[in-house]
Structures are given as C-alpha cells and as structure tokens.
Amino acid sequence: MVTADDGTLQEVAQVIGREVRDTDLLGHSDRGTLALVLLDADFEHSTRVIDRLVSRIDNYEFPTALRIAVGAACYPTHAVDADSLKRQAMTRPIVNWRGGTDRPGDQARSADQN
C-alpha cells in the first residue's frame, strides 16, 4: 500500500515498473493503492524482489512524504483466489517504509516473513 498524492503514486509506479518483468502485473486496486502481481514467483523470490524494489525506492527522491507498506502472499500456498490472496498479503507485512521530502528516517523491516 502506498499513501501519497496521485503524482507521487504515479512516480512510485514508474520506479516499480522499471524494476519488474514485463510479465508481472502492476496496477491500482479498488482502494486506490498500488498492487503488484509477480507471476510464477514463490514467496522467497517475491521477498527478494520486494527488497530490491524498496532499495530502489529508497534511493529515489520523491517530492512529497509517503509511506509504503508491502505484504506478500503466494498462490496456492496462502490462498487460491484473488480476494483471499489480497487479504493474506495484507496480513503478511514484509516492509513498512517512509520517505520523501520529509524523510523521518523511519524504515523498518518486519521480522515476521511467513
């Protein structure tokens, strides 16, 4: 989940889009958050991709403050339908990141990576 204005949200989407495969899916959820689907990726691979994305985002200068929270879930290990996968991803925090011009330096990685 990304909390920011629409312009910053678009910038985050562009940064992410440059770092994932053409076959991966990036879009907005019905709640206005960014959603990324890594096709044919297991949970371990997904967490490595998430780490790489957060590293890239951390090195990018955003004009406004933002918060990014990332969760992950895999099909069929964690759920077998899209709604359940979304719910599972929201309950499996991987990253909580804050950045932008008001950088409070509050980047934390969750210890729980089930």
Protein backbone atom coordinates (compact mmCIF):
# COMPACT_ATOMS: atom_id res chain seq x y z
CA MET A 1 0.00 0.00 0.00
CA VAL A 2 1.29 3.45 -0.87
CA THR A 3 -0.10 6.55 0.86
CA ALA A 4 0.68 9.69 -1.13
CA ASP A 5 -0.80 12.14 -3.62
CA ASP A 6 -1.63 10.92 -7.15
CA GLY A 7 1.54 12.38 -8.69
CA THR A 8 3.79 10.64 -6.19
CA LEU A 9 1.79 7.45 -6.59
CA GLN A 10 2.48 7.61 -10.35
CA GLU A 11 6.20 8.14 -9.68
CA VAL A 12 6.32 5.10 -7.40
CA ALA A 13 4.51 3.06 -10.07
CA GLN A 14 7.08 4.14 -12.66
CA VAL A 15 10.01 3.21 -10.41
CA ILE A 16 8.45 -0.19 -9.72
CA GLY A 17 7.54 -0.71 -13.37
CA ARG A 18 11.17 -0.29 -14.41
CA GLU A 19 12.28 -2.93 -11.90
CA VAL A 20 9.89 -5.80 -12.61
CA ARG A 21 9.46 -8.14 -15.56
CA ASP A 22 7.17 -7.33 -18.47
CA THR A 23 5.05 -10.33 -17.48
CA ASP A 24 4.39 -9.01 -13.96
CA LEU A 25 1.22 -7.01 -13.35
CA LEU A 26 1.19 -3.53 -11.81
CA GLY A 27 -1.98 -1.53 -11.28
CA HIS A 28 -4.28 0.25 -8.88
CA SER A 29 -6.55 -1.66 -6.55
CA ASP A 30 -10.15 -0.64 -5.98
CA ARG A 31 -9.00 1.24 -2.86
CA GLY A 32 -6.53 3.41 -4.80
CA THR A 33 -3.41 1.54 -3.73
CA LEU A 34 -0.75 0.10 -5.99
CA ALA A 35 -0.92 -3.64 -6.49
CA LEU A 36 1.85 -5.79 -7.95
CA VAL A 37 1.47 -9.41 -9.04
CA LEU A 38 4.70 -11.33 -9.61
CA LEU A 39 3.67 -14.17 -11.89
CA ASP A 40 5.35 -17.56 -11.38
CA ALA A 41 7.21 -16.36 -8.28
CA ASP A 42 7.37 -18.23 -4.99
CA PHE A 43 7.32 -16.48 -1.62
CA GLU A 44 11.12 -16.45 -1.25
CA HIS A 45 11.64 -14.96 -4.72
CA SER A 46 8.91 -12.42 -4.05
CA THR A 47 10.57 -11.18 -0.87
CA ARG A 48 13.87 -10.72 -2.76
CA VAL A 49 12.05 -8.68 -5.42
CA ILE A 50 10.36 -6.61 -2.70
CA ASP A 51 13.74 -5.94 -1.06
CA ARG A 52 15.16 -4.80 -4.41
CA LEU A 53 12.16 -2.55 -5.09
CA VAL A 54 12.36 -0.90 -1.68
CA SER A 55 16.09 -0.36 -2.19
CA ARG A 56 15.40 1.41 -5.50
CA ILE A 57 12.60 3.46 -3.97
CA ASP A 58 14.81 4.37 -1.02
CA ASN A 59 17.35 5.90 -3.43
CA TYR A 60 14.71 7.92 -5.30
CA GLU A 61 13.95 11.49 -4.24
CA PHE A 62 10.17 11.89 -4.01
CA PRO A 63 8.81 15.46 -3.77
CA THR A 64 6.30 14.59 -1.04
CA ALA A 65 6.34 12.40 2.02
CA LEU A 66 4.95 8.93 1.55
CA ARG A 67 4.51 5.64 3.32
CA ILE A 68 4.79 2.26 1.65
CA ALA A 69 3.60 -0.93 3.30
CA VAL A 70 4.16 -4.20 1.46
CA GLY A 71 2.72 -7.61 2.13
CA ALA A 72 3.03 -10.83 0.14
CA ALA A 73 1.06 -13.99 -0.42
CA CYS A 74 1.52 -16.84 -2.89
CA TYR A 75 -0.91 -18.97 -4.84
CA PRO A 76 -1.78 -21.71 -3.87
CA THR A 77 0.32 -21.80 -0.67
CA HIS A 78 -1.50 -18.95 1.09
CA ALA A 79 -4.78 -18.70 -0.85
CA VAL A 80 -6.45 -19.92 -4.04
CA ASP A 81 -8.50 -16.92 -5.20
CA ALA A 82 -7.73 -13.25 -5.82
CA ASP A 83 -9.67 -11.83 -2.86
CA SER A 84 -8.10 -14.28 -0.42
CA LEU A 85 -4.63 -13.55 -1.82
CA LYS A 86 -5.17 -9.82 -1.25
CA ARG A 87 -6.33 -10.43 2.32
CA GLN A 88 -3.38 -12.74 3.01
CA ALA A 89 -0.90 -10.24 1.57
CA MET A 90 -2.32 -7.52 3.85
CA THR A 91 -1.79 -9.79 6.89
CA ARG A 92 1.79 -10.73 5.93
CA PRO A 93 3.78 -7.49 6.32
CA ILE A 94 7.17 -7.52 4.66
CA VAL A 95 8.11 -3.82 4.60
CA ASN A 96 6.99 -0.57 6.22
CA TRP A 97 8.84 2.33 4.62
CA ARG A 98 8.60 6.11 4.92
CA GLY A 99 10.31 8.53 2.59
CA GLY A 100 10.04 11.66 0.52
CA THR A 101 10.97 15.23 1.34
CA ASP A 102 10.01 14.87 4.99
CA ARG A 103 12.20 11.76 5.42
CA PRO A 104 11.85 10.82 9.05
CA GLY A 105 14.36 8.01 8.52
CA ASP A 106 11.74 5.52 9.65
CA GLN A 107 12.39 2.44 7.56
CA ALA A 108 11.68 -0.85 9.24
CA ARG A 109 11.55 -4.40 8.02
CA SER A 110 9.17 -6.82 9.65
CA ALA A 111 10.76 -9.79 11.34
CA ASP A 112 7.72 -11.95 10.52
CA GLN A 113 8.15 -13.27 6.98
CA ASN A 114 5.93 -16.35 6.98
